[in-house]
Every structure is written in structure tokens, then in C-alpha cells.
Amino acid sequence: MKGYVHVYTGDGKGKTTAAFGLALRAAGAGLKVYIAQFVKGMKYSELNAMEKLKEVITVKQYGRDCFIYRDPEPEDIQAAREGLQEVREIMCSGEYQVIILDEANIATYYNLFSVDNLLDFIRAKPEEVELVITGRRADPRVIEEADLVTEMKEIKHYYQNGVQARDGIEK
């Protein structure tokens, strides 16, 4: 089966959720999935669920913690760059049919790795691998390279009324 490149971007909620939903669907169809989370290093509820599916879905974080409210440190940059290289080798190994680069767009925005590095990754994708890239602020060149682009647009969010991220819903 031919694999395509998806990009889920925009300021609305649901990019990671959509990618994890696709992972669940793929696993249900007998495909092996590798999810690489950039920027994130904290425990999220989806990791608990994915642990139960570890035979078909692998999740690895290539972030130390969430630095969105501060500048990335050299260790954040190193973790992301080494992670992108590791995932490229995993993608080319033939072991997984679906690769998800969660928050890779925001990783390029914060210069954890370059857009050119991400484009090289996309172009190295084997024909049969499905590749999903999530995160706000997708670079126009990444959008151009993709086969499917979905923009999540925020219309209204209870966060604006002071509601903090809740276990099982936002985290």
C-alpha cells in the first residue's frame, strides 16, 4: 500500500488527538505504528493507554519537558535532533508502517531542528510508510511537500475562561 504524508496543524485543539486516533485505527488494521513526540517530555494520559497497545504502537518522547514558556536549552535541541535522526532510521527499517512525528512543526518553529532537516526526513520516507506530522505553525514548505493537510482552527475554547488542562481531555 502506498503511504502518504499528512500534516495536522493550526491553532485549534486536536492535532495530537487526531494523530493518536489514526494510530489506533492503523493498529486495529494490523499495522505497526511508531509515535515520536518532540518538545514533550511530560507524562500525558495517552501514554498510559498506548502502554496497553505496546505490541503494535511504540511511543517515545524526544523532549525533556515542555519549554514553550521559555527558550529551549541546548539539551532540548540535542534531544530533538538526535531523536529525528533515530526516527529516520526507524522509519527506513521497514518495521513500522505508520510514523507519527508529534509536534515536529513546533520543533522547527523553535529551531530544535531545521525545516530543511524535516523536509529531508519526509523525502527519505519509504514508499509504503504513512507519515503524520503534527504541530502548530507548519512551515509552508512542509505543507507543500505533504499530500494531506488539515488545519485545526480554534473558534472557541474554554481555556480562554480560565479552564486549565484536564486529565484525560487535554493532558
Protein backbone atom coordinates (compact mmCIF):
# COMPACT_ATOMS: atom_id res chain seq x y z
CA MET A 1 0.00 0.00 0.00
CA LYS A 2 1.29 3.46 -0.89
CA GLY A 3 1.92 5.70 2.09
CA TYR A 4 1.19 9.42 2.17
CA VAL A 5 2.33 12.43 4.18
CA HIS A 6 -0.24 14.07 6.47
CA VAL A 7 0.17 17.41 8.25
CA TYR A 8 -2.16 18.35 11.11
CA THR A 9 -1.55 21.99 12.03
CA GLY A 10 -3.30 25.15 13.19
CA ASP A 11 -4.11 26.86 16.46
CA GLY A 12 -7.09 24.68 17.31
CA LYS A 13 -7.18 21.73 19.69
CA GLY A 14 -6.99 18.22 18.29
CA LYS A 15 -3.81 17.74 16.25
CA THR A 16 -2.20 15.16 18.53
CA THR A 17 -5.61 13.65 19.24
CA ALA A 18 -6.22 13.14 15.51
CA ALA A 19 -2.79 11.54 15.09
CA PHE A 20 -3.37 9.18 18.01
CA GLY A 21 -6.77 8.31 16.58
CA LEU A 22 -5.12 7.38 13.28
CA ALA A 23 -2.58 5.30 15.22
CA LEU A 24 -5.40 3.42 16.92
CA ARG A 25 -7.14 2.80 13.59
CA ALA A 26 -3.87 1.64 11.98
CA ALA A 27 -3.16 -0.73 14.88
CA GLY A 28 -6.67 -2.13 14.57
CA ALA A 29 -5.91 -2.89 10.92
CA GLY A 30 -2.73 -4.76 11.87
CA LEU A 31 -0.21 -2.01 11.07
CA LYS A 32 2.70 -1.21 13.38
CA VAL A 33 2.95 2.41 14.49
CA TYR A 34 5.85 4.47 15.85
CA ILE A 35 4.99 7.76 17.54
CA ALA A 36 7.82 10.21 18.18
CA GLN A 37 6.86 13.11 20.43
CA PHE A 38 9.04 16.19 20.13
CA VAL A 39 9.03 19.06 22.64
CA LYS A 40 7.05 16.83 25.06
CA GLY A 41 8.79 15.04 27.90
CA MET A 42 6.00 15.01 30.44
CA LYS A 43 3.55 12.19 31.16
CA TYR A 44 0.28 12.55 29.28
CA SER A 45 -2.75 10.29 29.66
CA GLU A 46 -2.46 8.98 26.10
CA LEU A 47 0.85 7.38 27.06
CA ASN A 48 -0.95 5.25 29.65
CA ALA A 49 -3.39 4.00 27.02
CA MET A 50 -0.66 3.35 24.46
CA GLU A 51 1.25 1.27 27.01
CA LYS A 52 -1.59 -1.26 26.72
CA LEU A 53 -1.02 -1.42 22.95
CA LYS A 54 2.78 -1.61 23.05
CA GLU A 55 2.85 -4.70 20.84
CA VAL A 56 1.63 -2.60 17.90
CA ILE A 57 2.20 1.03 18.91
CA THR A 58 5.52 2.37 20.17
CA VAL A 59 5.70 5.85 21.70
CA LYS A 60 8.93 7.61 22.53
CA GLN A 61 9.41 11.18 23.71
CA TYR A 62 12.31 13.23 22.39
CA GLY A 63 11.83 16.14 24.74
CA ARG A 64 12.91 16.82 28.30
CA ASP A 65 9.88 18.76 29.41
CA CYS A 66 7.60 21.38 27.94
CA PHE A 67 9.66 24.53 27.36
CA ILE A 68 7.03 26.52 25.46
CA TYR A 69 7.15 29.27 28.08
CA ARG A 70 10.93 29.59 27.97
CA ASP A 71 13.68 29.40 25.38
CA PRO A 72 14.88 25.89 24.54
CA GLU A 73 18.12 24.89 26.18
CA PRO A 74 20.97 23.13 24.34
CA GLU A 75 19.79 19.82 25.83
CA ASP A 76 16.33 20.35 24.28
CA ILE A 77 17.92 20.93 20.88
CA GLN A 78 20.20 17.92 21.18
CA ALA A 79 17.33 15.62 22.23
CA ALA A 80 15.21 16.71 19.26
CA ARG A 81 17.99 16.43 16.68
CA GLU A 82 19.14 13.04 17.90
CA GLY A 83 15.51 11.96 18.03
CA LEU A 84 14.81 12.99 14.44
CA GLN A 85 17.84 11.00 13.28
CA GLU A 86 16.81 7.98 15.35
CA VAL A 87 13.26 8.06 13.99
CA ARG A 88 14.55 8.38 10.43
CA GLU A 89 16.49 5.14 10.91
CA ILE A 90 13.40 3.51 12.43
CA MET A 91 11.23 4.72 9.54
CA CYS A 92 13.66 3.29 6.97
CA SER A 93 13.97 -0.04 8.83
CA GLY A 94 10.74 -1.43 7.41
CA GLU A 95 9.48 -2.45 10.86
CA TYR A 96 6.73 0.22 11.04
CA GLN A 97 4.07 1.13 8.50
CA VAL A 98 2.97 4.36 10.23
CA ILE A 99 5.30 7.01 11.65
CA ILE A 100 3.94 9.97 13.61
CA LEU A 101 6.12 13.00 14.34
CA ASP A 102 4.06 14.67 17.04
CA GLU A 103 4.87 18.39 17.46
CA ALA A 104 7.56 18.30 14.76
CA ASN A 105 6.18 21.53 13.27
CA ILE A 106 6.57 23.38 16.55
CA ALA A 107 10.03 21.84 16.91
CA THR A 108 11.05 23.56 13.67
CA TYR A 109 9.45 26.81 14.83
CA TYR A 110 11.65 26.75 17.95
CA ASN A 111 14.70 25.71 15.89
CA LEU A 112 15.12 22.40 17.66
CA PHE A 113 15.84 21.12 14.17
CA SER A 114 15.54 22.92 10.85
CA VAL A 115 12.73 22.83 8.33
CA ASP A 116 15.33 21.51 5.87
CA ASN A 117 16.01 18.61 8.26
CA LEU A 118 12.28 17.86 8.41
CA LEU A 119 11.98 18.07 4.61
CA ASP A 120 14.93 15.68 4.24
CA PHE A 121 13.13 13.32 6.63
CA ILE A 122 9.94 13.50 4.55
CA ARG A 123 11.84 12.85 1.33
CA ALA A 124 13.56 9.81 2.89
CA LYS A 125 10.18 8.20 3.60
CA PRO A 126 9.89 4.77 2.05
CA GLU A 127 7.02 4.48 -0.45
CA GLU A 128 4.89 2.24 1.79
CA VAL A 129 5.19 4.28 5.02
CA GLU A 130 2.39 6.60 6.13
CA LEU A 131 3.88 9.71 7.77
CA VAL A 132 1.94 12.08 10.03
CA ILE A 133 3.42 15.40 11.20
CA THR A 134 1.61 17.46 13.83
CA GLY A 135 2.07 20.81 15.48
CA ARG A 136 1.17 24.45 15.14
CA ARG A 137 2.92 26.73 12.68
CA ALA A 138 3.68 24.25 9.93
CA ASP A 139 6.18 25.80 7.56
CA PRO A 140 4.75 26.47 4.07
CA ARG A 141 7.42 24.21 2.56
CA VAL A 142 6.27 21.31 4.75
CA ILE A 143 2.67 21.98 3.73
CA GLU A 144 3.71 21.97 0.08
CA GLU A 145 5.52 18.64 0.49
CA ALA A 146 2.52 16.97 2.19
CA ASP A 147 -0.22 15.01 0.47
CA LEU A 148 -2.91 15.83 3.05
CA VAL A 149 -3.05 18.95 5.23
CA THR A 150 -5.64 19.58 7.91
CA GLU A 151 -5.76 22.87 9.76
CA MET A 152 -7.38 22.83 13.19
CA LYS A 153 -8.94 26.26 13.65
CA GLU A 154 -9.89 27.47 17.09
CA ILE A 155 -13.34 29.01 17.12
CA LYS A 156 -13.93 28.91 20.86
CA HIS A 157 -12.03 27.30 23.74
CA TYR A 158 -12.86 27.16 27.45
CA TYR A 159 -9.18 27.83 28.18
CA GLN A 160 -10.00 31.47 27.47
CA ASN A 161 -12.30 31.34 30.51
CA GLY A 162 -9.52 30.08 32.79
CA VAL A 163 -10.13 26.33 32.47
CA GLN A 164 -6.81 24.54 32.93
CA ALA A 165 -5.79 21.40 31.04
CA ARG A 166 -7.72 18.43 32.45
CA ASP A 167 -6.52 14.84 32.83
CA GLY A 168 -7.90 12.63 30.08
CA ILE A 169 -9.13 15.54 27.95
CA GLU A 170 -6.23 17.92 27.30
CA LYS A 171 -3.43 16.02 29.02
